[in-house]
Each structure stands twice: as structure tokens, then as C-alpha cells.
């Protein structure tokens, strides 16, 4: 049974953090590139929905294990005409057939899943051959001093932030899952503590 904090406080804290100005700017770099039949891993409160282009996207399916966040997503802003379906589920065990989607979008999700490798394997499975994987995440910083503090703070941070990890590699994990990374960028998010603010984003394709 989840605690009162998990059900009522944490979803609101996560929603506020994930809607910060630096993170929303990162979302804009990735989400508008989606096209065709789209799956969003860890749709959370639906913050990405406003950035999908209904002229390019035929539908968006979103999965998230949190009933509270899914409720927020149902009411989230979105462009008129965007077809959205939100389901209970985890990124590691997607309720979809093989080769179901043209595009998978994954933003600030791999930090909190139980198994990033399993989630990426599932993304590969449900993508059509040549389908695109669009990602934007935060994770392990390249600077030794920052990474040292990330490791120190991670146990406490996980406890208060819904299992969010600070030390997971990003682009290398995508490539390690068998997705071909076409391009990637990286930087520390402005106005964000470095231990929380290392971000990598880009595009990969399914084999």
C-alpha cells in the first residue's frame, strides 16, 4: 500500500519540478519532432501534450504507473484535435504489440523506472523497424566532482523524489539497448544545481 506522501504529496512535487522553466525548454527541443502513431513512456502529468503537432501526429498513447499523475494528464493542456489515450502501465512491461508505433517519446523518465535497460528494450520492441526514439533525460554528469556528489545525494534524493536516480547514464544507455543514436546533445541546465541538472537529449532509430 502506498503512503499518503506517495499518493498526495509526491505527485504534486514531481509535477512542479518537471514543469520548471529549464525542463520545459528541454521538452520543446524534442516533443515537436514526433510524428505518426506515438507512444510516450512515463507520461506523468501530461506536460508534453501541449507540444505535439496534431498535423504530424495521428495519436499519442501514454503509460504511467501513477494513478494520480495519470489524472493530471487527462486534464493537461493539448492542441485541439490531438487524439490521446492514457493507460496504466510501466515502461518495462508495455501493454502493446510488437511494431506498434512510429515514434516513442521518453522525457525525464529513465531516471525513475525500475530498469532502464528493460524500458529501452520494450521501446525497441514496440517501435516499427526504422521507428524513431526521441529522448531527453537528466542523469550522470561527466565531471568527476559533480558525479561524486550525485552518488552521495542519490539515496536521499530517491526517497523524496519518487525513486528518481541521479547517476544513470543516458545516451550510452540508449545506444547500449541496440537503438542507433543519430544525434545527441548535452549540457547542464541553466538555473539548476549541477547535481540535478546534467541533461542529454537526441534521436535514435530502431533496428
N, C-alpha and C. Protein backbone atom coordinates (compact mmCIF):
# COMPACT_ATOMS: atom_id res chain seq x y z
N UNK A 1 0.85 -1.19 0.00
CA UNK A 1 0.00 0.00 0.00
C UNK A 1 0.89 1.25 0.00
N UNK A 2 0.59 2.20 -0.87
CA UNK A 2 1.38 3.42 -0.92
C UNK A 2 1.01 4.35 0.23
N UNK A 3 1.95 5.20 0.62
CA UNK A 3 1.75 6.11 1.74
C UNK A 3 0.98 7.35 1.29
N UNK A 4 0.53 8.13 2.26
CA UNK A 4 -0.12 9.41 1.97
C UNK A 4 0.82 10.31 1.18
N UNK A 5 2.10 10.32 1.55
CA UNK A 5 3.10 11.12 0.82
C UNK A 5 3.17 10.69 -0.64
N UNK A 6 3.24 9.39 -0.89
CA UNK A 6 3.34 8.87 -2.25
C UNK A 6 2.10 9.22 -3.08
N UNK A 7 0.93 9.18 -2.45
CA UNK A 7 -0.32 9.39 -3.19
C UNK A 7 -0.66 10.86 -3.41
N UNK A 8 -0.36 11.70 -2.43
CA UNK A 8 -0.89 13.06 -2.47
C UNK A 8 0.16 14.17 -2.54
N UNK A 9 1.33 13.94 -1.98
CA UNK A 9 2.34 15.00 -1.94
C UNK A 9 3.35 14.84 -3.06
N UNK A 10 3.90 13.62 -3.20
CA UNK A 10 4.93 13.40 -4.21
C UNK A 10 4.47 13.74 -5.63
N UNK A 11 3.26 13.33 -6.07
CA UNK A 11 2.85 13.68 -7.44
C UNK A 11 2.85 15.19 -7.69
N UNK A 12 2.45 15.97 -6.69
CA UNK A 12 2.43 17.43 -6.86
C UNK A 12 3.84 17.99 -6.90
N UNK A 13 4.74 17.45 -6.06
CA UNK A 13 6.13 17.90 -6.08
C UNK A 13 6.80 17.57 -7.41
N UNK A 14 6.56 16.35 -7.88
CA UNK A 14 7.14 15.94 -9.17
C UNK A 14 6.59 16.81 -10.28
N UNK A 15 5.28 17.08 -10.23
CA UNK A 15 4.66 17.91 -11.25
C UNK A 15 5.26 19.30 -11.30
N UNK A 16 5.52 19.89 -10.13
CA UNK A 16 6.13 21.23 -10.08
C UNK A 16 7.57 21.19 -10.60
N UNK A 17 8.33 20.20 -10.17
CA UNK A 17 9.73 20.10 -10.60
C UNK A 17 9.83 19.88 -12.10
N UNK A 18 8.98 19.02 -12.63
CA UNK A 18 9.03 18.68 -14.05
C UNK A 18 8.48 19.78 -14.94
N UNK A 19 7.84 20.77 -14.33
CA UNK A 19 7.30 21.90 -15.09
C UNK A 19 8.18 23.14 -14.95
N UNK A 20 9.37 22.99 -14.37
CA UNK A 20 10.25 24.14 -14.23
C UNK A 20 10.65 24.66 -15.61
N UNK A 21 10.99 25.93 -15.67
CA UNK A 21 11.30 26.56 -16.96
C UNK A 21 12.43 25.87 -17.72
N UNK A 22 13.56 25.52 -17.08
CA UNK A 22 14.62 24.84 -17.83
C UNK A 22 14.18 23.50 -18.40
N UNK A 23 13.39 22.75 -17.65
CA UNK A 23 12.94 21.44 -18.14
C UNK A 23 11.92 21.59 -19.25
N UNK A 24 11.03 22.55 -19.14
CA UNK A 24 10.05 22.77 -20.21
C UNK A 24 10.75 23.17 -21.50
N UNK A 25 11.82 23.95 -21.39
CA UNK A 25 12.59 24.31 -22.59
C UNK A 25 13.21 23.07 -23.23
N UNK A 26 13.61 22.11 -22.42
CA UNK A 26 14.16 20.86 -22.96
C UNK A 26 13.08 20.07 -23.69
N UNK A 27 11.89 20.04 -23.15
CA UNK A 27 10.79 19.31 -23.78
C UNK A 27 10.52 19.84 -25.19
N UNK A 28 10.59 21.16 -25.33
CA UNK A 28 10.31 21.79 -26.62
C UNK A 28 11.33 21.38 -27.68
N UNK A 29 12.53 21.01 -27.26
CA UNK A 29 13.56 20.60 -28.21
C UNK A 29 13.29 19.22 -28.81
N UNK A 30 12.43 18.43 -28.15
CA UNK A 30 12.27 17.02 -28.52
C UNK A 30 10.86 16.70 -29.01
N UNK A 31 9.86 17.05 -28.22
CA UNK A 31 8.50 16.57 -28.46
C UNK A 31 7.93 16.99 -29.82
N UNK A 32 8.12 18.23 -30.29
CA UNK A 32 7.54 18.60 -31.59
C UNK A 32 8.06 17.80 -32.78
N UNK A 33 9.14 17.04 -32.59
CA UNK A 33 9.69 16.22 -33.67
C UNK A 33 8.90 14.93 -33.87
N UNK A 34 8.03 14.59 -32.92
CA UNK A 34 7.28 13.33 -33.00
C UNK A 34 6.31 13.36 -34.17
N UNK A 35 6.11 12.19 -34.79
CA UNK A 35 5.18 12.08 -35.91
C UNK A 35 4.60 10.67 -35.96
N UNK A 36 3.44 10.55 -36.60
CA UNK A 36 2.80 9.25 -36.75
C UNK A 36 2.12 8.80 -35.47
N UNK A 37 2.08 7.51 -35.27
CA UNK A 37 1.50 6.93 -34.07
C UNK A 37 2.56 6.93 -32.98
N UNK A 38 2.31 7.65 -31.90
CA UNK A 38 3.32 7.95 -30.89
C UNK A 38 2.99 7.27 -29.57
N UNK A 39 4.02 6.77 -28.91
CA UNK A 39 3.92 6.27 -27.54
C UNK A 39 4.80 7.13 -26.66
N UNK A 40 4.26 7.59 -25.54
CA UNK A 40 5.06 8.32 -24.57
C UNK A 40 5.25 7.48 -23.32
N UNK A 41 6.51 7.22 -22.98
CA UNK A 41 6.83 6.46 -21.78
C UNK A 41 6.78 7.38 -20.56
N UNK A 42 6.10 6.95 -19.50
CA UNK A 42 6.03 7.76 -18.29
C UNK A 42 5.43 9.12 -18.58
N UNK A 43 4.19 9.12 -19.05
CA UNK A 43 3.57 10.38 -19.46
C UNK A 43 3.36 11.33 -18.29
N UNK A 44 3.40 10.81 -17.06
CA UNK A 44 3.32 11.66 -15.89
C UNK A 44 2.08 12.54 -15.90
N UNK A 45 2.28 13.83 -15.65
CA UNK A 45 1.17 14.76 -15.62
C UNK A 45 0.76 15.31 -16.97
N UNK A 46 1.33 14.77 -18.05
CA UNK A 46 0.94 15.18 -19.39
C UNK A 46 1.54 16.50 -19.85
N UNK A 47 2.68 16.87 -19.30
CA UNK A 47 3.29 18.16 -19.64
C UNK A 47 3.73 18.25 -21.09
N UNK A 48 4.01 17.10 -21.72
CA UNK A 48 4.43 17.12 -23.13
C UNK A 48 3.27 17.31 -24.11
N UNK A 49 2.05 17.05 -23.68
CA UNK A 49 0.94 17.00 -24.63
C UNK A 49 0.77 18.30 -25.42
N UNK A 50 1.04 19.42 -24.78
CA UNK A 50 0.86 20.71 -25.45
C UNK A 50 1.82 20.91 -26.62
N UNK A 51 2.90 20.11 -26.68
CA UNK A 51 3.92 20.32 -27.70
C UNK A 51 3.81 19.38 -28.90
N UNK A 52 2.86 18.45 -28.88
CA UNK A 52 2.68 17.58 -30.04
C UNK A 52 1.95 18.34 -31.14
N UNK A 53 2.33 18.08 -32.37
CA UNK A 53 1.72 18.73 -33.54
C UNK A 53 0.67 17.79 -34.13
N UNK A 54 -0.63 18.11 -33.97
CA UNK A 54 -1.66 17.20 -34.50
C UNK A 54 -1.65 17.08 -36.01
N UNK A 55 -0.95 17.97 -36.69
CA UNK A 55 -0.82 17.86 -38.15
C UNK A 55 0.15 16.74 -38.52
N UNK A 56 1.03 16.36 -37.60
CA UNK A 56 2.01 15.30 -37.85
C UNK A 56 1.73 14.03 -37.07
N UNK A 57 1.06 14.17 -35.93
CA UNK A 57 0.84 13.04 -35.02
C UNK A 57 -0.58 12.51 -35.18
N UNK A 58 -0.69 11.22 -35.49
CA UNK A 58 -2.03 10.63 -35.64
C UNK A 58 -2.66 10.31 -34.30
N UNK A 59 -1.83 9.92 -33.31
CA UNK A 59 -2.35 9.64 -31.96
C UNK A 59 -1.18 9.58 -30.99
N UNK A 60 -1.48 9.83 -29.72
CA UNK A 60 -0.49 9.70 -28.64
C UNK A 60 -1.05 8.74 -27.61
N UNK A 61 -0.33 7.65 -27.37
CA UNK A 61 -0.65 6.74 -26.27
C UNK A 61 0.37 6.99 -25.17
N UNK A 62 -0.11 7.13 -23.95
CA UNK A 62 0.79 7.37 -22.83
C UNK A 62 0.60 6.33 -21.74
N UNK A 63 1.68 5.90 -21.12
CA UNK A 63 1.59 4.97 -20.00
C UNK A 63 2.27 5.58 -18.78
N UNK A 64 1.71 5.29 -17.61
CA UNK A 64 2.32 5.73 -16.36
C UNK A 64 1.76 4.88 -15.23
N UNK A 65 2.60 4.50 -14.26
CA UNK A 65 2.10 3.67 -13.17
C UNK A 65 1.33 4.45 -12.10
N UNK A 66 1.43 5.78 -12.09
CA UNK A 66 0.81 6.59 -11.05
C UNK A 66 -0.60 7.03 -11.44
N UNK A 67 -1.59 6.57 -10.69
CA UNK A 67 -2.98 6.98 -10.96
C UNK A 67 -3.14 8.48 -10.77
N UNK A 68 -2.44 9.05 -9.79
CA UNK A 68 -2.55 10.48 -9.54
C UNK A 68 -2.00 11.30 -10.71
N UNK A 69 -0.84 10.89 -11.23
CA UNK A 69 -0.28 11.60 -12.36
C UNK A 69 -1.10 11.39 -13.62
N UNK A 70 -1.63 10.20 -13.81
CA UNK A 70 -2.49 9.97 -14.98
C UNK A 70 -3.72 10.88 -14.94
N UNK A 71 -4.25 11.11 -13.74
CA UNK A 71 -5.40 12.02 -13.61
C UNK A 71 -5.02 13.43 -14.04
N UNK A 72 -3.82 13.87 -13.65
CA UNK A 72 -3.35 15.19 -14.10
C UNK A 72 -3.23 15.21 -15.63
N UNK A 73 -2.71 14.14 -16.20
CA UNK A 73 -2.50 14.07 -17.65
C UNK A 73 -3.82 14.16 -18.41
N UNK A 74 -4.87 13.55 -17.85
CA UNK A 74 -6.17 13.60 -18.52
C UNK A 74 -6.66 15.03 -18.69
N UNK A 75 -6.28 15.91 -17.75
CA UNK A 75 -6.74 17.30 -17.79
C UNK A 75 -5.70 18.26 -18.36
N UNK A 76 -4.55 17.73 -18.79
CA UNK A 76 -3.46 18.59 -19.24
C UNK A 76 -3.80 19.28 -20.57
N UNK A 77 -3.22 20.46 -20.75
CA UNK A 77 -3.42 21.22 -21.98
C UNK A 77 -2.88 20.45 -23.18
N UNK A 78 -3.58 20.56 -24.28
CA UNK A 78 -3.17 19.90 -25.53
C UNK A 78 -3.80 20.63 -26.70
N UNK A 79 -3.22 20.55 -27.88
CA UNK A 79 -3.82 21.21 -29.03
C UNK A 79 -5.12 20.54 -29.45
N UNK A 80 -6.00 21.32 -30.00
CA UNK A 80 -7.28 20.79 -30.46
C UNK A 80 -7.04 19.75 -31.55
N UNK A 81 -7.75 18.65 -31.45
CA UNK A 81 -7.65 17.60 -32.46
C UNK A 81 -6.63 16.53 -32.17
N UNK A 82 -5.84 16.70 -31.10
CA UNK A 82 -4.84 15.67 -30.76
C UNK A 82 -5.54 14.49 -30.09
N UNK A 83 -5.39 13.31 -30.66
CA UNK A 83 -6.00 12.10 -30.13
C UNK A 83 -5.08 11.50 -29.07
N UNK A 84 -5.56 11.38 -27.83
CA UNK A 84 -4.73 10.94 -26.70
C UNK A 84 -5.40 9.79 -25.98
N UNK A 85 -4.61 8.76 -25.66
CA UNK A 85 -5.07 7.63 -24.87
C UNK A 85 -4.06 7.40 -23.75
N UNK A 86 -4.51 7.42 -22.50
CA UNK A 86 -3.62 7.28 -21.36
C UNK A 86 -3.98 6.02 -20.61
N UNK A 87 -2.97 5.17 -20.38
CA UNK A 87 -3.21 3.88 -19.76
C UNK A 87 -2.29 3.66 -18.56
N UNK A 88 -2.76 2.83 -17.63
CA UNK A 88 -1.90 2.38 -16.55
C UNK A 88 -0.87 1.40 -17.11
N UNK A 89 0.36 1.52 -16.64
CA UNK A 89 1.39 0.61 -17.11
C UNK A 89 2.77 1.11 -16.78
N UNK A 90 3.75 0.26 -16.96
CA UNK A 90 5.14 0.64 -16.72
C UNK A 90 5.92 0.54 -18.03
N UNK A 91 6.99 1.31 -18.09
CA UNK A 91 7.82 1.30 -19.29
C UNK A 91 8.50 -0.04 -19.50
N UNK A 92 8.65 -0.81 -18.41
CA UNK A 92 9.34 -2.11 -18.52
C UNK A 92 8.44 -3.24 -18.99
N UNK A 93 7.14 -3.01 -19.04
CA UNK A 93 6.19 -4.06 -19.47
C UNK A 93 5.03 -3.39 -20.19
N UNK A 94 5.27 -2.93 -21.40
CA UNK A 94 4.28 -2.15 -22.14
C UNK A 94 3.14 -3.03 -22.63
N UNK A 95 1.91 -2.54 -22.51
CA UNK A 95 0.74 -3.32 -22.93
C UNK A 95 0.42 -3.15 -24.41
N UNK A 96 1.42 -3.30 -25.28
CA UNK A 96 1.24 -3.10 -26.70
C UNK A 96 1.95 -4.20 -27.49
N UNK A 97 1.47 -4.44 -28.69
CA UNK A 97 2.06 -5.46 -29.56
C UNK A 97 3.39 -4.97 -30.15
N UNK A 98 4.16 -5.91 -30.63
CA UNK A 98 5.40 -5.57 -31.34
C UNK A 98 5.10 -4.67 -32.54
N UNK A 99 6.05 -3.80 -32.85
CA UNK A 99 5.99 -2.98 -34.07
C UNK A 99 4.69 -2.16 -34.14
N UNK A 100 4.30 -1.56 -33.02
CA UNK A 100 3.02 -0.85 -32.95
C UNK A 100 3.13 0.65 -33.21
N UNK A 101 4.33 1.23 -33.05
CA UNK A 101 4.42 2.68 -33.04
C UNK A 101 5.49 3.19 -34.02
N UNK A 102 5.22 4.38 -34.55
CA UNK A 102 6.19 5.06 -35.42
C UNK A 102 7.23 5.81 -34.61
N UNK A 103 6.86 6.18 -33.39
CA UNK A 103 7.74 7.02 -32.58
C UNK A 103 7.49 6.75 -31.10
N UNK A 104 8.55 6.68 -30.33
CA UNK A 104 8.46 6.61 -28.87
C UNK A 104 9.15 7.84 -28.30
N UNK A 105 8.46 8.52 -27.39
CA UNK A 105 8.99 9.71 -26.73
C UNK A 105 9.27 9.38 -25.27
N UNK A 106 10.47 9.73 -24.80
CA UNK A 106 10.88 9.42 -23.44
C UNK A 106 11.57 10.65 -22.85
N UNK A 107 10.88 11.38 -21.98
CA UNK A 107 11.44 12.59 -21.39
C UNK A 107 11.40 12.50 -19.87
N UNK A 108 12.56 12.61 -19.25
CA UNK A 108 12.68 12.63 -17.79
C UNK A 108 11.94 11.45 -17.16
N UNK A 109 12.17 10.28 -17.75
CA UNK A 109 11.51 9.04 -17.32
C UNK A 109 12.52 7.97 -16.92
N UNK A 110 13.62 7.83 -17.66
CA UNK A 110 14.58 6.76 -17.38
C UNK A 110 15.22 6.91 -16.01
N UNK A 111 15.17 8.10 -15.44
CA UNK A 111 15.75 8.30 -14.11
C UNK A 111 14.97 7.57 -13.03
N UNK A 112 13.69 7.30 -13.28
CA UNK A 112 12.85 6.76 -12.19
C UNK A 112 12.26 5.38 -12.46
N UNK A 113 12.49 4.81 -13.65
CA UNK A 113 11.99 3.46 -13.89
C UNK A 113 12.82 2.46 -13.08
N UNK A 114 12.25 1.28 -12.85
CA UNK A 114 12.98 0.25 -12.11
C UNK A 114 14.20 -0.23 -12.88
N UNK A 115 14.05 -0.38 -14.20
CA UNK A 115 15.14 -0.92 -15.02
C UNK A 115 15.21 -0.16 -16.34
N UNK A 116 16.15 0.77 -16.50
CA UNK A 116 16.28 1.46 -17.78
C UNK A 116 16.51 0.52 -18.96
N UNK A 117 17.29 -0.52 -18.76
CA UNK A 117 17.57 -1.44 -19.87
C UNK A 117 16.29 -2.15 -20.31
N UNK A 118 15.45 -2.54 -19.36
CA UNK A 118 14.19 -3.19 -19.71
C UNK A 118 13.26 -2.22 -20.41
N UNK A 119 13.21 -0.96 -19.94
CA UNK A 119 12.35 0.04 -20.56
C UNK A 119 12.79 0.32 -22.00
N UNK A 120 14.10 0.41 -22.21
CA UNK A 120 14.60 0.66 -23.56
C UNK A 120 14.38 -0.54 -24.47
N UNK A 121 14.49 -1.75 -23.92
CA UNK A 121 14.21 -2.95 -24.71
C UNK A 121 12.74 -2.98 -25.14
N UNK A 122 11.86 -2.57 -24.24
CA UNK A 122 10.44 -2.51 -24.58
C UNK A 122 10.16 -1.45 -25.64
N UNK A 123 10.84 -0.32 -25.54
CA UNK A 123 10.69 0.72 -26.57
C UNK A 123 11.11 0.18 -27.92
N UNK A 124 12.23 -0.53 -27.94
CA UNK A 124 12.70 -1.14 -29.19
C UNK A 124 11.68 -2.14 -29.72
N UNK A 125 11.07 -2.90 -28.82
CA UNK A 125 10.11 -3.93 -29.24
C UNK A 125 8.86 -3.33 -29.89
N UNK A 126 8.33 -2.26 -29.32
CA UNK A 126 7.06 -1.72 -29.83
C UNK A 126 7.25 -0.76 -31.00
N UNK A 127 8.49 -0.36 -31.25
CA UNK A 127 8.74 0.51 -32.39
C UNK A 127 8.75 -0.30 -33.69
N UNK A 128 8.20 0.28 -34.73
CA UNK A 128 8.32 -0.32 -36.05
C UNK A 128 9.78 -0.24 -36.50
N UNK A 129 10.23 -1.14 -37.36
CA UNK A 129 11.60 -1.02 -37.89
C UNK A 129 11.82 0.37 -38.49
N UNK A 130 12.87 1.01 -38.08
CA UNK A 130 13.13 2.37 -38.54
C UNK A 130 12.39 3.43 -37.76
N UNK A 131 11.57 3.02 -36.77
CA UNK A 131 10.85 3.99 -35.96
C UNK A 131 11.80 4.81 -35.11
N UNK A 132 11.36 5.99 -34.72
CA UNK A 132 12.22 6.92 -34.01
C UNK A 132 12.00 6.89 -32.50
N UNK A 133 13.10 6.98 -31.77
CA UNK A 133 13.09 7.10 -30.32
C UNK A 133 13.63 8.47 -29.97
N UNK A 134 12.77 9.34 -29.44
CA UNK A 134 13.14 10.70 -29.07
C UNK A 134 13.31 10.75 -27.55
N UNK A 135 14.45 11.21 -27.08
CA UNK A 135 14.71 11.18 -25.64
C UNK A 135 15.27 12.50 -25.14
N UNK A 136 14.95 12.80 -23.90
CA UNK A 136 15.54 13.92 -23.18
C UNK A 136 15.50 13.56 -21.70
N UNK A 137 16.65 13.44 -21.08
CA UNK A 137 16.73 12.93 -19.71
C UNK A 137 17.75 13.72 -18.91
N UNK A 138 17.73 13.52 -17.60
CA UNK A 138 18.82 14.02 -16.76
C UNK A 138 19.50 12.81 -16.13
N UNK A 139 20.78 12.98 -15.81
CA UNK A 139 21.47 11.82 -15.26
C UNK A 139 22.91 12.12 -14.88
N UNK A 140 23.74 11.10 -15.04
CA UNK A 140 25.12 11.14 -14.56
C UNK A 140 25.93 12.21 -15.28
N UNK A 141 26.50 13.12 -14.51
CA UNK A 141 27.31 14.20 -15.08
C UNK A 141 28.70 13.70 -15.48
N UNK A 142 29.32 14.35 -16.46
CA UNK A 142 30.65 13.90 -16.91
C UNK A 142 31.78 14.38 -16.01
N UNK A 143 31.52 15.35 -15.15
CA UNK A 143 32.57 15.91 -14.31
C UNK A 143 32.67 15.10 -13.01
N UNK A 144 33.87 14.67 -12.68
CA UNK A 144 34.07 13.77 -11.55
C UNK A 144 33.56 14.35 -10.24
N UNK A 145 33.79 15.64 -10.03
CA UNK A 145 33.35 16.25 -8.79
C UNK A 145 31.85 16.28 -8.65
N UNK A 146 31.16 16.59 -9.74
CA UNK A 146 29.69 16.60 -9.72
C UNK A 146 29.16 15.18 -9.53
N UNK A 147 29.74 14.24 -10.26
CA UNK A 147 29.29 12.84 -10.16
C UNK A 147 29.48 12.30 -8.74
N UNK A 148 30.55 12.72 -8.08
CA UNK A 148 30.80 12.28 -6.71
C UNK A 148 29.66 12.73 -5.79
N UNK A 149 29.22 13.98 -5.94
CA UNK A 149 28.12 14.49 -5.13
C UNK A 149 26.80 13.85 -5.52
N UNK A 150 26.63 13.55 -6.79
CA UNK A 150 25.42 12.84 -7.22
C UNK A 150 25.31 11.50 -6.50
N UNK A 151 26.41 10.77 -6.41
CA UNK A 151 26.40 9.47 -5.74
C UNK A 151 26.10 9.62 -4.24
N UNK A 152 26.62 10.67 -3.65
CA UNK A 152 26.39 10.90 -2.22
C UNK A 152 24.91 11.22 -1.96
N UNK A 153 24.33 12.03 -2.81
CA UNK A 153 22.97 12.53 -2.57
C UNK A 153 21.88 11.59 -3.07
N UNK A 154 22.24 10.67 -3.96
CA UNK A 154 21.22 9.86 -4.61
C UNK A 154 20.31 9.09 -3.65
N UNK A 155 20.82 8.42 -2.60
CA UNK A 155 19.90 7.68 -1.72
C UNK A 155 18.81 8.57 -1.12
N UNK A 156 19.19 9.75 -0.65
CA UNK A 156 18.20 10.67 -0.07
C UNK A 156 17.26 11.19 -1.15
N UNK A 157 17.82 11.52 -2.31
CA UNK A 157 17.01 12.07 -3.40
C UNK A 157 15.97 11.06 -3.87
N UNK A 158 16.36 9.81 -4.00
CA UNK A 158 15.42 8.77 -4.41
C UNK A 158 14.24 8.67 -3.45
N UNK A 159 14.51 8.82 -2.18
CA UNK A 159 13.46 8.67 -1.16
C UNK A 159 12.42 9.78 -1.24
N UNK A 160 12.84 10.98 -1.62
CA UNK A 160 11.90 12.11 -1.63
C UNK A 160 11.35 12.41 -3.02
N UNK A 161 11.95 11.82 -4.06
CA UNK A 161 11.59 12.20 -5.44
C UNK A 161 11.09 11.01 -6.26
N UNK A 162 10.37 10.11 -5.61
CA UNK A 162 9.72 9.05 -6.37
C UNK A 162 10.66 8.06 -7.01
N UNK A 163 11.80 7.79 -6.39
CA UNK A 163 12.74 6.83 -6.94
C UNK A 163 13.62 7.38 -8.03
N UNK A 164 13.66 8.70 -8.19
CA UNK A 164 14.49 9.33 -9.23
C UNK A 164 15.97 9.14 -8.91
N UNK A 165 16.72 8.64 -9.89
CA UNK A 165 18.16 8.43 -9.75
C UNK A 165 18.92 9.60 -10.36
N UNK A 166 20.06 9.91 -9.78
CA UNK A 166 20.90 11.00 -10.29
C UNK A 166 22.08 10.49 -11.11
N UNK A 167 22.36 9.19 -11.05
CA UNK A 167 23.63 8.69 -11.59
C UNK A 167 23.47 7.74 -12.77
N UNK A 168 22.33 7.77 -13.41
CA UNK A 168 22.15 6.86 -14.56
C UNK A 168 22.69 7.51 -15.83
N UNK A 169 23.53 6.78 -16.58
CA UNK A 169 23.98 7.29 -17.88
C UNK A 169 22.81 7.36 -18.85
N UNK A 170 22.89 8.23 -19.82
CA UNK A 170 21.73 8.49 -20.69
C UNK A 170 21.99 7.98 -22.10
N UNK A 171 22.70 8.76 -22.91
CA UNK A 171 22.87 8.40 -24.33
C UNK A 171 23.55 7.04 -24.49
N UNK A 172 24.52 6.75 -23.65
CA UNK A 172 25.19 5.45 -23.75
C UNK A 172 24.23 4.31 -23.45
N UNK A 173 23.25 4.54 -22.58
CA UNK A 173 22.25 3.51 -22.29
C UNK A 173 21.34 3.28 -23.49
N UNK A 174 20.97 4.36 -24.16
CA UNK A 174 20.14 4.24 -25.36
C UNK A 174 20.88 3.43 -26.42
N UNK A 175 22.14 3.77 -26.65
CA UNK A 175 22.94 3.03 -27.64
C UNK A 175 23.14 1.59 -27.20
N UNK A 176 23.33 1.37 -25.91
CA UNK A 176 23.55 0.02 -25.40
C UNK A 176 22.35 -0.88 -25.53
N UNK A 177 21.18 -0.28 -25.70
CA UNK A 177 19.96 -1.07 -25.85
C UNK A 177 19.73 -1.52 -27.29
N UNK A 178 20.65 -1.15 -28.18
CA UNK A 178 20.52 -1.56 -29.57
C UNK A 178 19.86 -0.54 -30.47
N UNK A 179 19.49 0.61 -29.92
CA UNK A 179 18.95 1.70 -30.72
C UNK A 179 20.12 2.48 -31.32
N UNK A 180 20.00 2.84 -32.58
CA UNK A 180 21.08 3.57 -33.25
C UNK A 180 20.90 5.06 -33.01
N UNK A 181 21.81 5.66 -32.25
CA UNK A 181 21.72 7.08 -31.95
C UNK A 181 22.17 7.88 -33.16
N UNK A 182 21.26 8.70 -33.69
CA UNK A 182 21.57 9.52 -34.85
C UNK A 182 22.20 10.84 -34.46
N UNK A 183 21.74 11.41 -33.36
CA UNK A 183 22.30 12.66 -32.88
C UNK A 183 21.99 12.81 -31.40
N UNK A 184 22.84 13.52 -30.70
CA UNK A 184 22.59 13.80 -29.28
C UNK A 184 23.31 15.08 -28.89
N UNK A 185 22.73 15.75 -27.92
CA UNK A 185 23.32 16.97 -27.36
C UNK A 185 23.29 16.85 -25.84
N UNK A 186 24.05 17.71 -25.18
CA UNK A 186 24.14 17.61 -23.74
C UNK A 186 24.58 18.93 -23.14
N UNK A 187 24.14 19.19 -21.92
CA UNK A 187 24.55 20.40 -21.21
C UNK A 187 24.03 20.36 -19.78
N UNK A 188 24.56 21.25 -18.94
CA UNK A 188 23.97 21.50 -17.64
C UNK A 188 22.82 22.48 -17.82
N UNK A 189 21.67 22.18 -17.24
CA UNK A 189 20.52 23.06 -17.36
C UNK A 189 20.78 24.36 -16.61
N UNK A 190 20.50 25.49 -17.23
CA UNK A 190 20.71 26.77 -16.53
C UNK A 190 19.78 26.91 -15.34
N UNK A 191 20.26 27.59 -14.32
CA UNK A 191 19.44 27.84 -13.15
C UNK A 191 19.11 26.61 -12.34
N UNK A 192 19.91 25.55 -12.51
CA UNK A 192 19.65 24.27 -11.84
C UNK A 192 20.93 23.79 -11.16
N UNK A 193 20.86 23.31 -9.93
CA UNK A 193 22.08 22.75 -9.31
C UNK A 193 22.68 21.66 -10.20
N UNK A 194 23.99 21.67 -10.32
CA UNK A 194 24.65 20.75 -11.25
C UNK A 194 24.37 19.28 -10.93
N UNK A 195 24.20 18.96 -9.66
CA UNK A 195 23.93 17.56 -9.32
C UNK A 195 22.58 17.10 -9.87
N UNK A 196 21.69 18.03 -10.16
CA UNK A 196 20.38 17.70 -10.70
C UNK A 196 20.25 18.04 -12.18
N UNK A 197 21.18 18.81 -12.71
CA UNK A 197 20.94 19.47 -13.98
C UNK A 197 21.66 18.99 -15.21
N UNK A 198 22.38 17.84 -15.14
CA UNK A 198 23.02 17.35 -16.37
C UNK A 198 21.96 16.72 -17.26
N UNK A 199 21.84 17.21 -18.50
CA UNK A 199 20.80 16.73 -19.42
C UNK A 199 21.40 16.32 -20.74
N UNK A 200 20.86 15.23 -21.30
CA UNK A 200 21.23 14.77 -22.64
C UNK A 200 19.95 14.50 -23.41
N UNK A 201 19.95 14.85 -24.68
CA UNK A 201 18.75 14.63 -25.50
C UNK A 201 19.16 14.34 -26.94
N UNK A 202 18.26 13.69 -27.65
CA UNK A 202 18.59 13.35 -29.02
C UNK A 202 17.57 12.43 -29.67
N UNK A 203 18.01 11.76 -30.73
CA UNK A 203 17.14 10.91 -31.53
C UNK A 203 17.88 9.62 -31.90
N UNK A 204 17.15 8.52 -31.81
CA UNK A 204 17.69 7.23 -32.21
C UNK A 204 16.66 6.52 -33.06
N UNK A 205 17.08 5.47 -33.75
CA UNK A 205 16.15 4.70 -34.56
C UNK A 205 16.23 3.22 -34.18
N UNK A 206 15.09 2.56 -34.33
CA UNK A 206 15.02 1.13 -34.03
C UNK A 206 15.63 0.32 -35.16
N UNK A 207 16.21 -0.80 -34.79
CA UNK A 207 16.82 -1.68 -35.80
C UNK A 207 15.73 -2.29 -36.67
